[in-house]
Amino acid sequence: MDTTNPTILKIVQITVDKLGVDENKLTYKTSFADDLGADSLDVFELIMTIEKEFKLKINEDEVDKITTLGALINCVDDKVSPQKYQLEPFKAIHLKESIVTKN
């Protein structure tokens, strides 16, 4: 698992906190039901916490497909990444302006 990606790290930490599992046992293929013994209510609460933390909405069709940690990570990353990339041009312009004004 990519331990440098802040999105993944946050999702793993929330999963550990909400489901009370050992972080070292988590992989992309970890099944919430089969490997962690989580029921549908546990997964629903986990997803609600993720939505709140990342300020996003996961629709019902997506929720039905989230059965593994990897599926949850991919779903959140797909929603977070476009927002991140939309901000980069502004940051680049701001940095250029800061450099210009300092000279």
N, C-alpha and C. Protein backbone atom coordinates (compact mmCIF):
# COMPACT_ATOMS: atom_id res chain seq x y z
N MET A 1 0.85 -1.18 0.00
CA MET A 1 0.00 0.00 0.00
C MET A 1 0.89 1.24 0.00
N ASP A 2 0.48 2.26 -0.74
CA ASP A 2 1.26 3.50 -0.84
C ASP A 2 1.14 4.29 0.46
N THR A 3 2.21 4.26 1.23
CA THR A 3 2.18 4.94 2.53
C THR A 3 2.58 6.41 2.43
N THR A 4 2.77 6.91 1.21
CA THR A 4 3.08 8.33 1.04
C THR A 4 1.87 9.13 0.61
N ASN A 5 0.83 8.47 0.18
CA ASN A 5 -0.38 9.14 -0.29
C ASN A 5 -1.24 9.52 0.92
N PRO A 6 -1.44 10.83 1.15
CA PRO A 6 -2.20 11.24 2.34
C PRO A 6 -3.66 10.77 2.33
N THR A 7 -4.24 10.61 1.16
CA THR A 7 -5.62 10.12 1.07
C THR A 7 -5.68 8.69 1.59
N ILE A 8 -4.76 7.86 1.14
CA ILE A 8 -4.73 6.46 1.58
C ILE A 8 -4.46 6.38 3.08
N LEU A 9 -3.51 7.15 3.55
CA LEU A 9 -3.18 7.13 4.98
C LEU A 9 -4.39 7.50 5.83
N LYS A 10 -5.14 8.51 5.40
CA LYS A 10 -6.32 8.95 6.16
C LYS A 10 -7.41 7.87 6.14
N ILE A 11 -7.63 7.27 4.98
CA ILE A 11 -8.65 6.21 4.87
C ILE A 11 -8.27 5.02 5.75
N VAL A 12 -7.01 4.63 5.73
CA VAL A 12 -6.55 3.52 6.57
C VAL A 12 -6.74 3.86 8.04
N GLN A 13 -6.38 5.06 8.44
CA GLN A 13 -6.52 5.46 9.84
C GLN A 13 -7.99 5.45 10.28
N ILE A 14 -8.86 5.96 9.43
CA ILE A 14 -10.30 5.96 9.75
C ILE A 14 -10.81 4.52 9.86
N THR A 15 -10.36 3.65 8.96
CA THR A 15 -10.77 2.24 8.98
C THR A 15 -10.32 1.58 10.27
N VAL A 16 -9.08 1.82 10.67
CA VAL A 16 -8.56 1.26 11.92
C VAL A 16 -9.38 1.76 13.10
N ASP A 17 -9.64 3.07 13.13
CA ASP A 17 -10.40 3.65 14.25
C ASP A 17 -11.84 3.15 14.31
N LYS A 18 -12.52 3.13 13.16
CA LYS A 18 -13.95 2.77 13.14
C LYS A 18 -14.18 1.27 13.34
N LEU A 19 -13.30 0.44 12.77
CA LEU A 19 -13.53 -1.00 12.81
C LEU A 19 -12.66 -1.71 13.85
N GLY A 20 -11.75 -0.97 14.47
CA GLY A 20 -10.91 -1.56 15.51
C GLY A 20 -10.03 -2.69 15.01
N VAL A 21 -9.41 -2.49 13.86
CA VAL A 21 -8.57 -3.54 13.26
C VAL A 21 -7.10 -3.13 13.30
N ASP A 22 -6.24 -4.10 13.10
CA ASP A 22 -4.79 -3.88 13.06
C ASP A 22 -4.41 -3.35 11.68
N GLU A 23 -3.78 -2.19 11.67
CA GLU A 23 -3.37 -1.55 10.41
C GLU A 23 -2.48 -2.47 9.57
N ASN A 24 -1.66 -3.26 10.21
CA ASN A 24 -0.72 -4.14 9.49
C ASN A 24 -1.42 -5.26 8.72
N LYS A 25 -2.68 -5.51 9.03
CA LYS A 25 -3.43 -6.56 8.33
C LYS A 25 -4.20 -6.02 7.12
N LEU A 26 -4.14 -4.71 6.91
CA LEU A 26 -4.90 -4.11 5.83
C LEU A 26 -4.10 -4.08 4.53
N THR A 27 -4.77 -4.52 3.45
CA THR A 27 -4.22 -4.43 2.10
C THR A 27 -5.34 -3.92 1.20
N TYR A 28 -5.00 -3.64 -0.05
CA TYR A 28 -6.04 -3.21 -1.01
C TYR A 28 -7.12 -4.28 -1.15
N LYS A 29 -6.73 -5.54 -1.00
CA LYS A 29 -7.68 -6.65 -1.21
C LYS A 29 -8.47 -7.01 0.04
N THR A 30 -8.21 -6.35 1.16
CA THR A 30 -8.91 -6.66 2.40
C THR A 30 -10.41 -6.44 2.23
N SER A 31 -11.18 -7.50 2.46
CA SER A 31 -12.64 -7.43 2.38
C SER A 31 -13.19 -7.00 3.74
N PHE A 32 -14.06 -6.01 3.72
CA PHE A 32 -14.64 -5.55 4.98
C PHE A 32 -15.41 -6.67 5.67
N ALA A 33 -16.19 -7.41 4.91
CA ALA A 33 -17.01 -8.48 5.50
C ALA A 33 -16.19 -9.73 5.79
N ASP A 34 -15.51 -10.25 4.78
CA ASP A 34 -14.83 -11.55 4.92
C ASP A 34 -13.58 -11.49 5.80
N ASP A 35 -12.79 -10.44 5.64
CA ASP A 35 -11.52 -10.37 6.37
C ASP A 35 -11.62 -9.63 7.70
N LEU A 36 -12.50 -8.63 7.77
CA LEU A 36 -12.59 -7.81 8.98
C LEU A 36 -13.84 -8.07 9.81
N GLY A 37 -14.75 -8.88 9.27
CA GLY A 37 -15.97 -9.21 9.99
C GLY A 37 -16.95 -8.06 10.13
N ALA A 38 -16.80 -7.05 9.27
CA ALA A 38 -17.70 -5.89 9.32
C ALA A 38 -19.03 -6.23 8.67
N ASP A 39 -20.13 -5.80 9.32
CA ASP A 39 -21.44 -5.98 8.70
C ASP A 39 -21.78 -4.73 7.88
N SER A 40 -22.94 -4.74 7.25
CA SER A 40 -23.31 -3.63 6.36
C SER A 40 -23.42 -2.31 7.12
N LEU A 41 -23.86 -2.35 8.37
CA LEU A 41 -23.95 -1.13 9.17
C LEU A 41 -22.55 -0.57 9.47
N ASP A 42 -21.60 -1.45 9.77
CA ASP A 42 -20.22 -1.02 10.01
C ASP A 42 -19.65 -0.31 8.77
N VAL A 43 -19.88 -0.90 7.61
CA VAL A 43 -19.37 -0.33 6.36
C VAL A 43 -20.07 0.99 6.08
N PHE A 44 -21.38 1.06 6.31
CA PHE A 44 -22.13 2.29 6.10
C PHE A 44 -21.59 3.42 6.99
N GLU A 45 -21.34 3.11 8.25
CA GLU A 45 -20.79 4.11 9.18
C GLU A 45 -19.38 4.54 8.77
N LEU A 46 -18.59 3.59 8.30
CA LEU A 46 -17.25 3.90 7.81
C LEU A 46 -17.33 4.86 6.62
N ILE A 47 -18.20 4.56 5.69
CA ILE A 47 -18.35 5.41 4.50
C ILE A 47 -18.87 6.80 4.88
N MET A 48 -19.79 6.86 5.83
CA MET A 48 -20.28 8.17 6.28
C MET A 48 -19.15 9.00 6.90
N THR A 49 -18.29 8.36 7.66
CA THR A 49 -17.15 9.05 8.26
C THR A 49 -16.19 9.54 7.17
N ILE A 50 -15.95 8.71 6.18
CA ILE A 50 -15.09 9.08 5.05
C ILE A 50 -15.69 10.28 4.31
N GLU A 51 -16.99 10.24 4.06
CA GLU A 51 -17.66 11.35 3.37
C GLU A 51 -17.49 12.66 4.14
N LYS A 52 -17.66 12.58 5.43
CA LYS A 52 -17.53 13.78 6.27
C LYS A 52 -16.09 14.30 6.28
N GLU A 53 -15.14 13.38 6.44
CA GLU A 53 -13.73 13.76 6.52
C GLU A 53 -13.23 14.40 5.22
N PHE A 54 -13.64 13.82 4.09
CA PHE A 54 -13.16 14.31 2.80
C PHE A 54 -14.12 15.30 2.13
N LYS A 55 -15.25 15.57 2.80
CA LYS A 55 -16.25 16.51 2.29
C LYS A 55 -16.69 16.12 0.87
N LEU A 56 -17.14 14.87 0.76
CA LEU A 56 -17.61 14.36 -0.53
C LEU A 56 -18.82 13.47 -0.33
N LYS A 57 -19.45 13.11 -1.41
CA LYS A 57 -20.63 12.25 -1.36
C LYS A 57 -20.38 11.01 -2.20
N ILE A 58 -20.61 9.86 -1.61
CA ILE A 58 -20.52 8.58 -2.32
C ILE A 58 -21.95 8.11 -2.54
N ASN A 59 -22.35 7.99 -3.80
CA ASN A 59 -23.75 7.63 -4.07
C ASN A 59 -24.01 6.14 -3.83
N GLU A 60 -25.29 5.79 -3.80
CA GLU A 60 -25.70 4.42 -3.45
C GLU A 60 -25.11 3.35 -4.36
N ASP A 61 -25.05 3.65 -5.67
CA ASP A 61 -24.48 2.68 -6.61
C ASP A 61 -23.02 2.40 -6.28
N GLU A 62 -22.29 3.44 -5.89
CA GLU A 62 -20.89 3.27 -5.53
C GLU A 62 -20.75 2.51 -4.21
N VAL A 63 -21.60 2.82 -3.25
CA VAL A 63 -21.55 2.16 -1.94
C VAL A 63 -21.72 0.65 -2.11
N ASP A 64 -22.62 0.25 -2.99
CA ASP A 64 -22.86 -1.19 -3.22
C ASP A 64 -21.62 -1.91 -3.73
N LYS A 65 -20.74 -1.18 -4.41
CA LYS A 65 -19.53 -1.78 -5.00
C LYS A 65 -18.34 -1.76 -4.04
N ILE A 66 -18.47 -1.05 -2.94
CA ILE A 66 -17.35 -0.94 -2.00
C ILE A 66 -17.38 -2.10 -1.02
N THR A 67 -16.64 -3.15 -1.37
CA THR A 67 -16.57 -4.34 -0.52
C THR A 67 -15.16 -4.56 0.03
N THR A 68 -14.19 -3.84 -0.55
CA THR A 68 -12.80 -3.98 -0.11
C THR A 68 -12.22 -2.61 0.22
N LEU A 69 -11.13 -2.61 0.93
CA LEU A 69 -10.45 -1.36 1.24
C LEU A 69 -9.97 -0.69 -0.04
N GLY A 70 -9.48 -1.48 -0.98
CA GLY A 70 -9.02 -0.94 -2.27
C GLY A 70 -10.13 -0.24 -3.03
N ALA A 71 -11.33 -0.82 -3.01
CA ALA A 71 -12.47 -0.20 -3.69
C ALA A 71 -12.82 1.14 -3.04
N LEU A 72 -12.74 1.19 -1.73
CA LEU A 72 -13.01 2.44 -1.01
C LEU A 72 -11.95 3.49 -1.34
N ILE A 73 -10.70 3.09 -1.33
CA ILE A 73 -9.60 4.01 -1.65
C ILE A 73 -9.76 4.55 -3.07
N ASN A 74 -10.04 3.67 -4.02
CA ASN A 74 -10.20 4.10 -5.42
C ASN A 74 -11.36 5.07 -5.57
N CYS A 75 -12.46 4.77 -4.92
CA CYS A 75 -13.65 5.63 -5.00
C CYS A 75 -13.34 7.03 -4.46
N VAL A 76 -12.73 7.09 -3.31
CA VAL A 76 -12.41 8.38 -2.69
C VAL A 76 -11.36 9.11 -3.51
N ASP A 77 -10.34 8.40 -3.94
CA ASP A 77 -9.27 9.04 -4.71
C ASP A 77 -9.80 9.62 -6.02
N ASP A 78 -10.73 8.93 -6.67
CA ASP A 78 -11.35 9.44 -7.90
C ASP A 78 -12.09 10.76 -7.64
N LYS A 79 -12.67 10.89 -6.46
CA LYS A 79 -13.43 12.09 -6.13
C LYS A 79 -12.53 13.22 -5.61
N VAL A 80 -11.45 12.88 -4.94
CA VAL A 80 -10.56 13.88 -4.36
C VAL A 80 -9.57 14.42 -5.40
N SER A 81 -9.04 13.56 -6.25
CA SER A 81 -8.01 13.96 -7.19
C SER A 81 -8.44 15.08 -8.14
N PRO A 82 -9.63 15.04 -8.74
CA PRO A 82 -10.01 16.15 -9.63
C PRO A 82 -10.01 17.50 -8.91
N GLN A 83 -10.44 17.52 -7.66
CA GLN A 83 -10.44 18.77 -6.90
C GLN A 83 -9.01 19.25 -6.70
N LYS A 84 -8.11 18.33 -6.41
CA LYS A 84 -6.72 18.68 -6.17
C LYS A 84 -6.10 19.29 -7.43
N TYR A 85 -6.38 18.68 -8.59
CA TYR A 85 -5.79 19.16 -9.83
C TYR A 85 -6.40 20.48 -10.27
N GLN A 86 -7.64 20.76 -9.92
CA GLN A 86 -8.24 22.02 -10.28
C GLN A 86 -7.59 23.17 -9.53
N LEU A 87 -7.03 22.93 -8.38
CA LEU A 87 -6.40 23.99 -7.60
C LEU A 87 -4.96 24.27 -8.03
N GLU A 88 -4.31 23.31 -8.65
CA GLU A 88 -2.90 23.48 -8.98
C GLU A 88 -2.61 24.67 -9.89
N PRO A 89 -3.39 24.93 -10.95
CA PRO A 89 -3.07 26.10 -11.79
C PRO A 89 -3.10 27.40 -10.99
N PHE A 90 -4.07 27.54 -10.08
CA PHE A 90 -4.14 28.75 -9.25
C PHE A 90 -2.89 28.87 -8.39
N LYS A 91 -2.48 27.78 -7.79
CA LYS A 91 -1.29 27.81 -6.95
C LYS A 91 -0.06 28.20 -7.79
N ALA A 92 0.04 27.66 -8.99
CA ALA A 92 1.18 27.97 -9.85
C ALA A 92 1.19 29.45 -10.20
N ILE A 93 0.04 30.01 -10.53
CA ILE A 93 -0.05 31.43 -10.85
C ILE A 93 0.33 32.26 -9.63
N HIS A 94 -0.18 31.88 -8.47
CA HIS A 94 0.11 32.61 -7.25
C HIS A 94 1.61 32.57 -6.95
N LEU A 95 2.23 31.41 -7.13
CA LEU A 95 3.66 31.30 -6.88
C LEU A 95 4.45 32.18 -7.84
N LYS A 96 4.07 32.20 -9.10
CA LYS A 96 4.76 33.04 -10.08
C LYS A 96 4.63 34.51 -9.72
N GLU A 97 3.44 34.91 -9.29
CA GLU A 97 3.23 36.31 -8.91
C GLU A 97 4.07 36.66 -7.69
N SER A 98 4.18 35.74 -6.74
CA SER A 98 4.98 35.99 -5.54
C SER A 98 6.45 36.16 -5.91
N ILE A 99 6.92 35.35 -6.83
CA ILE A 99 8.32 35.43 -7.25
C ILE A 99 8.57 36.76 -7.96
N VAL A 100 7.64 37.16 -8.81
CA VAL A 100 7.78 38.39 -9.57
C VAL A 100 7.78 39.60 -8.63
N THR A 101 6.90 39.60 -7.63
CA THR A 101 6.80 40.76 -6.73
C THR A 101 7.98 40.86 -5.79
N LYS A 102 8.67 39.76 -5.56
CA LYS A 102 9.83 39.80 -4.66
C LYS A 102 11.06 40.41 -5.33
N ASN A 103 11.11 40.40 -6.64
CA ASN A 103 12.28 40.93 -7.36
C ASN A 103 12.27 42.42 -7.46
